Amino acid sequence: FNFAATLECPIIFFCRNNGYAISTPTSEQYRGDGIAARGPGYGIMSIRVDGNDVFAVYNATKEARRRAVAENQPFLIEAMTYSSPERGWRPLSRLNGSQ
């Protein structure tokens, strides 16, 4: 992240967050609000998306690519998969605007 941000690399980091880290719930592995929240600390544009929604992933990836190329900056996408709001996250709005 640090090299990508300081060297202004047009790269997309894609993190599939299934709520586990090496067979252990992420709540036991780290504190904080997922991975996307760490991007701004490095100066990286970030978004969290519902990884179970193919249209949300497509649109996020398309926008990330556009920004990475146009602005010559890295972009971080965190796709939340195999999880639910009960596990501590809320999906972003879907293509049709519903929650």
PDB file of N, CA and C in Angstrom:
ATOM      1  N   PHE A   1       0.822  -1.184   0.000  1.00  0.00           N
ATOM      2  CA  PHE A   1       0.000   0.000   0.000  1.00  0.00           C
ATOM      3  C   PHE A   1       0.868   1.250   0.000  1.00  0.00           C
ATOM      4  N   ASN A   2       1.885   1.242   0.836  1.00  0.00           N
ATOM      5  CA  ASN A   2       2.734   2.428   0.961  1.00  0.00           C
ATOM      6  C   ASN A   2       3.459   2.726  -0.345  1.00  0.00           C
ATOM      7  N   PHE A   3       4.073   1.712  -0.963  1.00  0.00           N
ATOM      8  CA  PHE A   3       4.760   1.931  -2.235  1.00  0.00           C
ATOM      9  C   PHE A   3       3.786   2.398  -3.312  1.00  0.00           C
ATOM     10  N   ALA A   4       2.629   1.752  -3.397  1.00  0.00           N
ATOM     11  CA  ALA A   4       1.642   2.113  -4.412  1.00  0.00           C
ATOM     12  C   ALA A   4       1.185   3.556  -4.258  1.00  0.00           C
ATOM     13  N   ALA A   5       0.969   3.980  -3.022  1.00  0.00           N
ATOM     14  CA  ALA A   5       0.495   5.339  -2.779  1.00  0.00           C
ATOM     15  C   ALA A   5       1.589   6.373  -3.047  1.00  0.00           C
ATOM     16  N   THR A   6       2.782   6.134  -2.558  1.00  0.00           N
ATOM     17  CA  THR A   6       3.841   7.133  -2.718  1.00  0.00           C
ATOM     18  C   THR A   6       4.363   7.198  -4.143  1.00  0.00           C
ATOM     19  N   LEU A   7       4.344   6.076  -4.862  1.00  0.00           N
ATOM     20  CA  LEU A   7       4.817   6.061  -6.247  1.00  0.00           C
ATOM     21  C   LEU A   7       3.696   6.315  -7.250  1.00  0.00           C
ATOM     22  N   GLU A   8       2.481   6.545  -6.741  1.00  0.00           N
ATOM     23  CA  GLU A   8       1.310   6.820  -7.562  1.00  0.00           C
ATOM     24  C   GLU A   8       1.121   5.764  -8.654  1.00  0.00           C
ATOM     25  N   CYS A   9       1.031   4.525  -8.213  1.00  0.00           N
ATOM     26  CA  CYS A   9       0.850   3.397  -9.133  1.00  0.00           C
ATOM     27  C   CYS A   9      -0.631   3.205  -9.448  1.00  0.00           C
ATOM     28  N   PRO A  10      -0.976   3.062 -10.718  1.00  0.00           N
ATOM     29  CA  PRO A  10      -2.373   2.806 -11.082  1.00  0.00           C
ATOM     30  C   PRO A  10      -2.696   1.318 -10.902  1.00  0.00           C
ATOM     31  N   ILE A  11      -2.916   0.925  -9.662  1.00  0.00           N
ATOM     32  CA  ILE A  11      -3.139  -0.481  -9.331  1.00  0.00           C
ATOM     33  C   ILE A  11      -4.423  -0.612  -8.516  1.00  0.00           C
ATOM     34  N   ILE A  12      -5.101  -1.730  -8.675  1.00  0.00           N
ATOM     35  CA  ILE A  12      -6.304  -2.014  -7.896  1.00  0.00           C
ATOM     36  C   ILE A  12      -5.989  -3.157  -6.949  1.00  0.00           C
ATOM     37  N   PHE A  13      -6.171  -2.919  -5.664  1.00  0.00           N
ATOM     38  CA  PHE A  13      -6.063  -3.968  -4.653  1.00  0.00           C
ATOM     39  C   PHE A  13      -7.473  -4.479  -4.402  1.00  0.00           C
ATOM     40  N   PHE A  14      -7.676  -5.779  -4.565  1.00  0.00           N
ATOM     41  CA  PHE A  14      -8.998  -6.370  -4.381  1.00  0.00           C
ATOM     42  C   PHE A  14      -8.916  -7.372  -3.238  1.00  0.00           C
ATOM     43  N   CYS A  15      -9.618  -7.071  -2.158  1.00  0.00           N
ATOM     44  CA  CYS A  15      -9.614  -7.931  -0.976  1.00  0.00           C
ATOM     45  C   CYS A  15     -10.976  -8.595  -0.831  1.00  0.00           C
ATOM     46  N   ARG A  16     -11.009  -9.910  -0.911  1.00  0.00           N
ATOM     47  CA  ARG A  16     -12.250 -10.651  -0.671  1.00  0.00           C
ATOM     48  C   ARG A  16     -12.268 -10.997   0.812  1.00  0.00           C
ATOM     49  N   ASN A  17     -13.130 -10.340   1.551  1.00  0.00           N
ATOM     50  CA  ASN A  17     -13.209 -10.522   2.993  1.00  0.00           C
ATOM     51  C   ASN A  17     -14.384 -11.436   3.306  1.00  0.00           C
ATOM     52  N   ASN A  18     -14.087 -12.675   3.670  1.00  0.00           N
ATOM     53  CA  ASN A  18     -15.151 -13.623   3.984  1.00  0.00           C
ATOM     54  C   ASN A  18     -15.423 -13.704   5.489  1.00  0.00           C
ATOM     55  N   GLY A  19     -14.836 -12.799   6.240  1.00  0.00           N
ATOM     56  CA  GLY A  19     -15.084 -12.758   7.677  1.00  0.00           C
ATOM     57  C   GLY A  19     -14.180 -13.671   8.490  1.00  0.00           C
ATOM     58  N   TYR A  20     -13.229 -14.306   7.831  1.00  0.00           N
ATOM     59  CA  TYR A  20     -12.315 -15.201   8.533  1.00  0.00           C
ATOM     60  C   TYR A  20     -10.877 -14.896   8.139  1.00  0.00           C
ATOM     61  N   ALA A  21      -9.977 -15.156   9.035  1.00  0.00           N
ATOM     62  CA  ALA A  21      -8.554 -15.015   8.775  1.00  0.00           C
ATOM     63  C   ALA A  21      -7.889 -16.310   9.260  1.00  0.00           C
ATOM     64  N   ILE A  22      -7.480 -17.120   8.323  1.00  0.00           N
ATOM     65  CA  ILE A  22      -6.870 -18.414   8.626  1.00  0.00           C
ATOM     66  C   ILE A  22      -7.768 -19.232   9.551  1.00  0.00           C
ATOM     67  N   SER A  23      -9.002 -19.442   9.133  1.00  0.00           N
ATOM     68  CA  SER A  23      -9.992 -20.272   9.841  1.00  0.00           C
ATOM     69  C   SER A  23     -10.420 -19.723  11.195  1.00  0.00           C
ATOM     70  N   THR A  24     -10.097 -18.483  11.465  1.00  0.00           N
ATOM     71  CA  THR A  24     -10.475 -17.838  12.716  1.00  0.00           C
ATOM     72  C   THR A  24     -11.277 -16.587  12.370  1.00  0.00           C
ATOM     73  N   PRO A  25     -12.381 -16.340  13.061  1.00  0.00           N
ATOM     74  CA  PRO A  25     -13.139 -15.118  12.765  1.00  0.00           C
ATOM     75  C   PRO A  25     -12.248 -13.874  12.845  1.00  0.00           C
ATOM     76  N   THR A  26     -12.467 -12.950  11.933  1.00  0.00           N
ATOM     77  CA  THR A  26     -11.634 -11.747  11.919  1.00  0.00           C
ATOM     78  C   THR A  26     -11.779 -10.937  13.205  1.00  0.00           C
ATOM     79  N   SER A  27     -12.896 -11.093  13.905  1.00  0.00           N
ATOM     80  CA  SER A  27     -13.065 -10.372  15.167  1.00  0.00           C
ATOM     81  C   SER A  27     -12.021 -10.798  16.192  1.00  0.00           C
ATOM     82  N   GLU A  28     -11.436 -11.976  16.012  1.00  0.00           N
ATOM     83  CA  GLU A  28     -10.374 -12.454  16.893  1.00  0.00           C
ATOM     84  C   GLU A  28      -8.988 -12.181  16.327  1.00  0.00           C
ATOM     85  N   GLN A  29      -8.912 -11.674  15.099  1.00  0.00           N
ATOM     86  CA  GLN A  29      -7.634 -11.438  14.442  1.00  0.00           C
ATOM     87  C   GLN A  29      -7.195  -9.975  14.461  1.00  0.00           C
ATOM     88  N   TYR A  30      -8.147  -9.061  14.340  1.00  0.00           N
ATOM     89  CA  TYR A  30      -7.797  -7.643  14.339  1.00  0.00           C
ATOM     90  C   TYR A  30      -8.984  -6.815  14.801  1.00  0.00           C
ATOM     91  N   ARG A  31      -8.715  -5.601  15.195  1.00  0.00           N
ATOM     92  CA  ARG A  31      -9.758  -4.658  15.589  1.00  0.00           C
ATOM     93  C   ARG A  31      -9.921  -3.644  14.471  1.00  0.00           C
ATOM     94  N   GLY A  32     -11.035  -3.005  14.453  1.00  0.00           N
ATOM     95  CA  GLY A  32     -11.256  -1.984  13.440  1.00  0.00           C
ATOM     96  C   GLY A  32     -12.392  -2.368  12.524  1.00  0.00           C
ATOM     97  N   ASP A  33     -12.589  -1.540  11.543  1.00  0.00           N
ATOM     98  CA  ASP A  33     -13.715  -1.688  10.633  1.00  0.00           C
ATOM     99  C   ASP A  33     -13.248  -2.262   9.301  1.00  0.00           C
ATOM    100  N   GLY A  34     -12.758  -3.461   9.301  1.00  0.00           N
ATOM    101  CA  GLY A  34     -12.375  -4.127   8.063  1.00  0.00           C
ATOM    102  C   GLY A  34     -11.106  -3.602   7.441  1.00  0.00           C
ATOM    103  N   ILE A  35     -10.942  -3.933   6.183  1.00  0.00           N
ATOM    104  CA  ILE A  35      -9.725  -3.592   5.447  1.00  0.00           C
ATOM    105  C   ILE A  35      -9.855  -2.246   4.731  1.00  0.00           C
ATOM    106  N   ALA A  36     -11.027  -1.971   4.171  1.00  0.00           N
ATOM    107  CA  ALA A  36     -11.211  -0.727   3.406  1.00  0.00           C
ATOM    108  C   ALA A  36     -10.930   0.509   4.256  1.00  0.00           C
ATOM    109  N   ALA A  37     -11.176   0.425   5.544  1.00  0.00           N
ATOM    110  CA  ALA A  37     -10.934   1.565   6.433  1.00  0.00           C
ATOM    111  C   ALA A  37      -9.447   1.872   6.582  1.00  0.00           C
ATOM    112  N   ARG A  38      -8.599   0.948   6.206  1.00  0.00           N
ATOM    113  CA  ARG A  38      -7.147   1.170   6.323  1.00  0.00           C
ATOM    114  C   ARG A  38      -6.560   1.917   5.130  1.00  0.00           C
ATOM    115  N   GLY A  39      -7.258   1.886   4.002  1.00  0.00           N
ATOM    116  CA  GLY A  39      -6.754   2.539   2.793  1.00  0.00           C
ATOM    117  C   GLY A  39      -6.475   4.015   2.936  1.00  0.00           C
ATOM    118  N   PRO A  40      -7.411   4.801   3.491  1.00  0.00           N
ATOM    119  CA  PRO A  40      -7.162   6.246   3.605  1.00  0.00           C
ATOM    120  C   PRO A  40      -5.912   6.593   4.418  1.00  0.00           C
ATOM    121  N   GLY A  41      -5.534   5.739   5.346  1.00  0.00           N
ATOM    122  CA  GLY A  41      -4.314   5.981   6.117  1.00  0.00           C
ATOM    123  C   GLY A  41      -3.071   5.969   5.246  1.00  0.00           C
ATOM    124  N   TYR A  42      -3.156   5.280   4.130  1.00  0.00           N
ATOM    125  CA  TYR A  42      -2.059   5.229   3.167  1.00  0.00           C
ATOM    126  C   TYR A  42      -2.262   6.213   2.020  1.00  0.00           C
ATOM    127  N   GLY A  43      -3.395   6.907   2.033  1.00  0.00           N
ATOM    128  CA  GLY A  43      -3.710   7.818   0.947  1.00  0.00           C
ATOM    129  C   GLY A  43      -4.293   7.099  -0.259  1.00  0.00           C
ATOM    130  N   ILE A  44      -4.925   5.955  -0.004  1.00  0.00           N
ATOM    131  CA  ILE A  44      -5.504   5.153  -1.081  1.00  0.00           C
ATOM    132  C   ILE A  44      -7.023   5.272  -1.040  1.00  0.00           C
ATOM    133  N   MET A  45      -7.623   5.586  -2.186  1.00  0.00           N
ATOM    134  CA  MET A  45      -9.077   5.600  -2.275  1.00  0.00           C
ATOM    135  C   MET A  45      -9.582   4.182  -2.039  1.00  0.00           C
ATOM    136  N   SER A  46     -10.660   4.053  -1.264  1.00  0.00           N
ATOM    137  CA  SER A  46     -11.150   2.737  -0.875  1.00  0.00           C
ATOM    138  C   SER A  46     -12.666   2.675  -0.912  1.00  0.00           C
ATOM    139  N   ILE A  47     -13.165   1.460  -1.113  1.00  0.00           N
ATOM    140  CA  ILE A  47     -14.598   1.225  -1.060  1.00  0.00           C
ATOM    141  C   ILE A  47     -14.845  -0.185  -0.530  1.00  0.00           C
ATOM    142  N   ARG A  48     -15.933  -0.313   0.230  1.00  0.00           N
ATOM    143  CA  ARG A  48     -16.399  -1.628   0.674  1.00  0.00           C
ATOM    144  C   ARG A  48     -17.656  -1.930  -0.120  1.00  0.00           C
ATOM    145  N   VAL A  49     -17.738  -3.146  -0.644  1.00  0.00           N
ATOM    146  CA  VAL A  49     -18.853  -3.520  -1.497  1.00  0.00           C
ATOM    147  C   VAL A  49     -19.381  -4.891  -1.080  1.00  0.00           C
ATOM    148  N   ASP A  50     -20.654  -5.130  -1.359  1.00  0.00           N
ATOM    149  CA  ASP A  50     -21.260  -6.429  -1.099  1.00  0.00           C
ATOM    150  C   ASP A  50     -20.687  -7.411  -2.124  1.00  0.00           C
ATOM    151  N   GLY A  51     -19.783  -8.255  -1.694  1.00  0.00           N
ATOM    152  CA  GLY A  51     -19.115  -9.193  -2.585  1.00  0.00           C
ATOM    153  C   GLY A  51     -20.014 -10.286  -3.111  1.00  0.00           C
ATOM    154  N   ASN A  52     -21.207 -10.434  -2.558  1.00  0.00           N
ATOM    155  CA  ASN A  52     -22.164 -11.426  -3.039  1.00  0.00           C
ATOM    156  C   ASN A  52     -23.049 -10.851  -4.147  1.00  0.00           C
ATOM    157  N   ASP A  53     -22.888  -9.580  -4.448  1.00  0.00           N
ATOM    158  CA  ASP A  53     -23.682  -8.888  -5.462  1.00  0.00           C
ATOM    159  C   ASP A  53     -22.785  -8.623  -6.677  1.00  0.00           C
ATOM    160  N   VAL A  54     -22.978  -9.419  -7.723  1.00  0.00           N
ATOM    161  CA  VAL A  54     -22.107  -9.331  -8.893  1.00  0.00           C
ATOM    162  C   VAL A  54     -22.149  -7.945  -9.537  1.00  0.00           C
ATOM    163  N   PHE A  55     -23.294  -7.288  -9.531  1.00  0.00           N
ATOM    164  CA  PHE A  55     -23.389  -5.953 -10.124  1.00  0.00           C
ATOM    165  C   PHE A  55     -22.649  -4.914  -9.294  1.00  0.00           C
ATOM    166  N   ALA A  56     -22.724  -5.029  -7.978  1.00  0.00           N
ATOM    167  CA  ALA A  56     -22.002  -4.101  -7.105  1.00  0.00           C
ATOM    168  C   ALA A  56     -20.493  -4.264  -7.288  1.00  0.00           C
ATOM    169  N   VAL A  57     -20.027  -5.503  -7.377  1.00  0.00           N
ATOM    170  CA  VAL A  57     -18.594  -5.761  -7.578  1.00  0.00           C
ATOM    171  C   VAL A  57     -18.155  -5.229  -8.947  1.00  0.00           C
ATOM    172  N   TYR A  58     -18.952  -5.497  -9.968  1.00  0.00           N
ATOM    173  CA  TYR A  58     -18.630  -5.017 -11.313  1.00  0.00           C
ATOM    174  C   TYR A  58     -18.530  -3.489 -11.337  1.00  0.00           C
ATOM    175  N   ASN A  59     -19.531  -2.810 -10.791  1.00  0.00           N
ATOM    176  CA  ASN A  59     -19.539  -1.343 -10.811  1.00  0.00           C
ATOM    177  C   ASN A  59     -18.393  -0.764  -9.997  1.00  0.00           C
ATOM    178  N   ALA A  60     -18.096  -1.350  -8.847  1.00  0.00           N
ATOM    179  CA  ALA A  60     -16.982  -0.870  -8.028  1.00  0.00           C
ATOM    180  C   ALA A  60     -15.653  -1.058  -8.753  1.00  0.00           C
ATOM    181  N   THR A  61     -15.485  -2.207  -9.392  1.00  0.00           N
ATOM    182  CA  THR A  61     -14.244  -2.488 -10.116  1.00  0.00           C
ATOM    183  C   THR A  61     -14.097  -1.578 -11.333  1.00  0.00           C
ATOM    184  N   LYS A  62     -15.188  -1.344 -12.022  1.00  0.00           N
ATOM    185  CA  LYS A  62     -15.165  -0.451 -13.181  1.00  0.00           C
ATOM    186  C   LYS A  62     -14.769   0.969 -12.769  1.00  0.00           C
ATOM    187  N   GLU A  63     -15.356   1.457 -11.676  1.00  0.00           N
ATOM    188  CA  GLU A  63     -15.028   2.797 -11.185  1.00  0.00           C
ATOM    189  C   GLU A  63     -13.594   2.863 -10.663  1.00  0.00           C
ATOM    190  N   ALA A  64     -13.164   1.817  -9.981  1.00  0.00           N
ATOM    191  CA  ALA A  64     -11.790   1.772  -9.472  1.00  0.00           C
ATOM    192  C   ALA A  64     -10.793   1.828 -10.624  1.00  0.00           C
ATOM    193  N   ARG A  65     -11.066   1.089 -11.688  1.00  0.00           N
ATOM    194  CA  ARG A  65     -10.179   1.098 -12.842  1.00  0.00           C
ATOM    195  C   ARG A  65     -10.155   2.476 -13.493  1.00  0.00           C
ATOM    196  N   ARG A  66     -11.323   3.070 -13.639  1.00  0.00           N
ATOM    197  CA  ARG A  66     -11.391   4.399 -14.239  1.00  0.00           C
ATOM    198  C   ARG A  66     -10.546   5.395 -13.462  1.00  0.00           C
ATOM    199  N   ARG A  67     -10.707   5.371 -12.137  1.00  0.00           N
ATOM    200  CA  ARG A  67      -9.951   6.315 -11.304  1.00  0.00           C
ATOM    201  C   ARG A  67      -8.456   6.000 -11.287  1.00  0.00           C
ATOM    202  N   ALA A  68      -8.117   4.720 -11.229  1.00  0.00           N
ATOM    203  CA  ALA A  68      -6.703   4.344 -11.201  1.00  0.00           C
ATOM    204  C   ALA A  68      -5.989   4.818 -12.463  1.00  0.00           C
ATOM    205  N   VAL A  69      -6.631   4.648 -13.602  1.00  0.00           N
ATOM    206  CA  VAL A  69      -6.021   5.047 -14.874  1.00  0.00           C
ATOM    207  C   VAL A  69      -6.036   6.564 -15.035  1.00  0.00           C
ATOM    208  N   ALA A  70      -7.185   7.191 -14.785  1.00  0.00           N
ATOM    209  CA  ALA A  70      -7.317   8.635 -15.011  1.00  0.00           C
ATOM    210  C   ALA A  70      -6.482   9.456 -14.040  1.00  0.00           C
ATOM    211  N   GLU A  71      -6.427   9.012 -12.775  1.00  0.00           N
ATOM    212  CA  GLU A  71      -5.740   9.796 -11.750  1.00  0.00           C
ATOM    213  C   GLU A  71      -4.384   9.217 -11.364  1.00  0.00           C
ATOM    214  N   ASN A  72      -4.002   8.105 -11.996  1.00  0.00           N
ATOM    215  CA  ASN A  72      -2.721   7.454 -11.713  1.00  0.00           C
ATOM    216  C   ASN A  72      -2.540   7.214 -10.215  1.00  0.00           C
ATOM    217  N   GLN A  73      -3.572   6.645  -9.601  1.00  0.00           N
ATOM    218  CA  GLN A  73      -3.583   6.409  -8.160  1.00  0.00           C
ATOM    219  C   GLN A  73      -4.040   4.977  -7.871  1.00  0.00           C
ATOM    220  N   PRO A  74      -3.584   4.394  -6.758  1.00  0.00           N
ATOM    221  CA  PRO A  74      -4.057   3.068  -6.370  1.00  0.00           C
ATOM    222  C   PRO A  74      -5.479   3.140  -5.806  1.00  0.00           C
ATOM    223  N   PHE A  75      -6.159   2.010  -5.823  1.00  0.00           N
ATOM    224  CA  PHE A  75      -7.531   1.926  -5.342  1.00  0.00           C
ATOM    225  C   PHE A  75      -7.701   0.594  -4.621  1.00  0.00           C
ATOM    226  N   LEU A  76      -8.410   0.611  -3.496  1.00  0.00           N
ATOM    227  CA  LEU A  76      -8.645  -0.599  -2.702  1.00  0.00           C
ATOM    228  C   LEU A  76     -10.132  -0.922  -2.684  1.00  0.00           C
ATOM    229  N   ILE A  77     -10.467  -2.164  -3.061  1.00  0.00           N
ATOM    230  CA  ILE A  77     -11.843  -2.656  -2.997  1.00  0.00           C
ATOM    231  C   ILE A  77     -11.877  -3.779  -1.975  1.00  0.00           C
ATOM    232  N   GLU A  78     -12.782  -3.670  -1.005  1.00  0.00           N
ATOM    233  CA  GLU A  78     -13.004  -4.753  -0.052  1.00  0.00           C
ATOM    234  C   GLU A  78     -14.373  -5.342  -0.346  1.00  0.00           C
ATOM    235  N   ALA A  79     -14.397  -6.584  -0.803  1.00  0.00           N
ATOM    236  CA  ALA A  79     -15.647  -7.264  -1.132  1.00  0.00           C
ATOM    237  C   ALA A  79     -16.030  -8.181   0.025  1.00  0.00           C
ATOM    238  N   MET A  80     -17.103  -7.821   0.711  1.00  0.00           N
ATOM    239  CA  MET A  80     -17.577  -8.615   1.849  1.00  0.00           C
ATOM    240  C   MET A  80     -18.379  -9.804   1.313  1.00  0.00           C
ATOM    241  N   THR A  81     -17.920 -11.014   1.600  1.00  0.00           N
ATOM    242  CA  THR A  81     -18.593 -12.215   1.102  1.00  0.00           C
ATOM    243  C   THR A  81     -18.864 -13.180   2.233  1.00  0.00           C
ATOM    244  N   TYR A  82     -19.813 -14.051   2.018  1.00  0.00           N
ATOM    245  CA  TYR A  82     -20.140 -15.113   2.968  1.00  0.00           C
ATOM    246  C   TYR A  82     -20.313 -14.583   4.370  1.00  0.00           C
ATOM    247  N   SER A  83     -20.969 -13.472   4.490  1.00  0.00           N
ATOM    248  CA  SER A  83     -21.167 -12.856   5.784  1.00  0.00           C
ATOM    249  C   SER A  83     -22.548 -12.231   5.798  1.00  0.00           C
ATOM    250  N   SER A  84     -22.864 -11.549   6.866  1.00  0.00           N
ATOM    251  CA  SER A  84     -24.181 -10.936   6.982  1.00  0.00           C
ATOM    252  C   SER A  84     -24.104  -9.758   7.938  1.00  0.00           C
ATOM    253  N   PRO A  85     -25.152  -8.945   7.970  1.00  0.00           N
ATOM    254  CA  PRO A  85     -25.157  -7.820   8.905  1.00  0.00           C
ATOM    255  C   PRO A  85     -25.008  -8.279  10.353  1.00  0.00           C
ATOM    256  N   GLU A  86     -25.447  -9.481  10.665  1.00  0.00           N
ATOM    257  CA  GLU A  86     -25.295  -9.988  12.033  1.00  0.00           C
ATOM    258  C   GLU A  86     -23.830 -10.191  12.396  1.00  0.00           C
ATOM    259  N   ARG A  87     -22.972 -10.343  11.385  1.00  0.00           N
ATOM    260  CA  ARG A  87     -21.548 -10.545  11.618  1.00  0.00           C
ATOM    261  C   ARG A  87     -20.811  -9.210  11.724  1.00  0.00           C
ATOM    262  N   GLY A  88     -21.533  -8.109  11.591  1.00  0.00           N
ATOM    263  CA  GLY A  88     -20.898  -6.826  11.833  1.00  0.00           C
ATOM    264  C   GLY A  88     -20.667  -5.947  10.625  1.00  0.00           C
ATOM    265  N   TRP A  89     -21.301  -6.193   9.497  1.00  0.00           N
ATOM    266  CA  TRP A  89     -21.133  -5.293   8.360  1.00  0.00           C
ATOM    267  C   TRP A  89     -22.466  -5.090   7.686  1.00  0.00           C
ATOM    268  N   ARG A  90     -22.552  -3.991   6.979  1.00  0.00           N
ATOM    269  CA  ARG A  90     -23.766  -3.674   6.228  1.00  0.00           C
ATOM    270  C   ARG A  90     -23.398  -3.523   4.771  1.00  0.00           C
ATOM    271  N   PRO A  91     -24.118  -4.187   3.878  1.00  0.00           N
ATOM    272  CA  PRO A  91     -23.799  -4.038   2.453  1.00  0.00           C
ATOM    273  C   PRO A  91     -24.129  -2.628   1.972  1.00  0.00           C
ATOM    274  N   LEU A  92     -23.430  -2.191   0.954  1.00  0.00           N
ATOM    275  CA  LEU A  92     -23.718  -0.902   0.351  1.00  0.00           C
ATOM    276  C   LEU A  92     -24.960  -1.011  -0.501  1.00  0.00           C
ATOM    277  N   SER A  93     -25.460   0.101  -0.946  1.00  0.00           N
ATOM    278  CA  SER A  93     -26.654   0.098  -1.791  1.00  0.00           C
ATOM    279  C   SER A  93     -26.396  -0.709  -3.060  1.00  0.00           C
ATOM    280  N   ARG A  94     -27.384  -1.457  -3.451  1.00  0.00           N
ATOM    281  CA  ARG A  94     -27.282  -2.233  -4.681  1.00  0.00           C
ATOM    282  C   ARG A  94     -27.604  -1.346  -5.879  1.00  0.00           C
ATOM    283  N   LEU A  95     -27.496  -1.932  -7.058  1.00  0.00           N
ATOM    284  CA  LEU A  95     -27.715  -1.197  -8.287  1.00  0.00           C
ATOM    285  C   LEU A  95     -29.086  -0.531  -8.346  1.00  0.00           C
ATOM    286  N   ASN A  96     -30.119  -1.212  -7.809  1.00  0.00           N
ATOM    287  CA  ASN A  96     -31.453  -0.658  -7.859  1.00  0.00           C
ATOM    288  C   ASN A  96     -31.736   0.321  -6.703  1.00  0.00           C
ATOM    289  N   GLY A  97     -30.747   0.578  -5.865  1.00  0.00           N
ATOM    290  CA  GLY A  97     -30.885   1.553  -4.796  1.00  0.00           C
ATOM    291  C   GLY A  97     -31.445   1.011  -3.494  1.00  0.00           C
ATOM    292  N   SER A  98     -31.769  -0.280  -3.445  1.00  0.00           N
ATOM    293  CA  SER A  98     -32.304  -0.852  -2.189  1.00  0.00           C
ATOM    294  C   SER A  98     -31.176  -1.265  -1.277  1.00  0.00           C
ATOM    295  N   GLN A  99     -31.512  -1.471  -0.018  1.00  0.00           N
ATOM    296  CA  GLN A  99     -30.513  -1.923   0.960  1.00  0.00           C
ATOM    297  C   GLN A  99     -30.537  -3.410   1.105  1.00  0.00           C
TER     298      GLN A  99
END
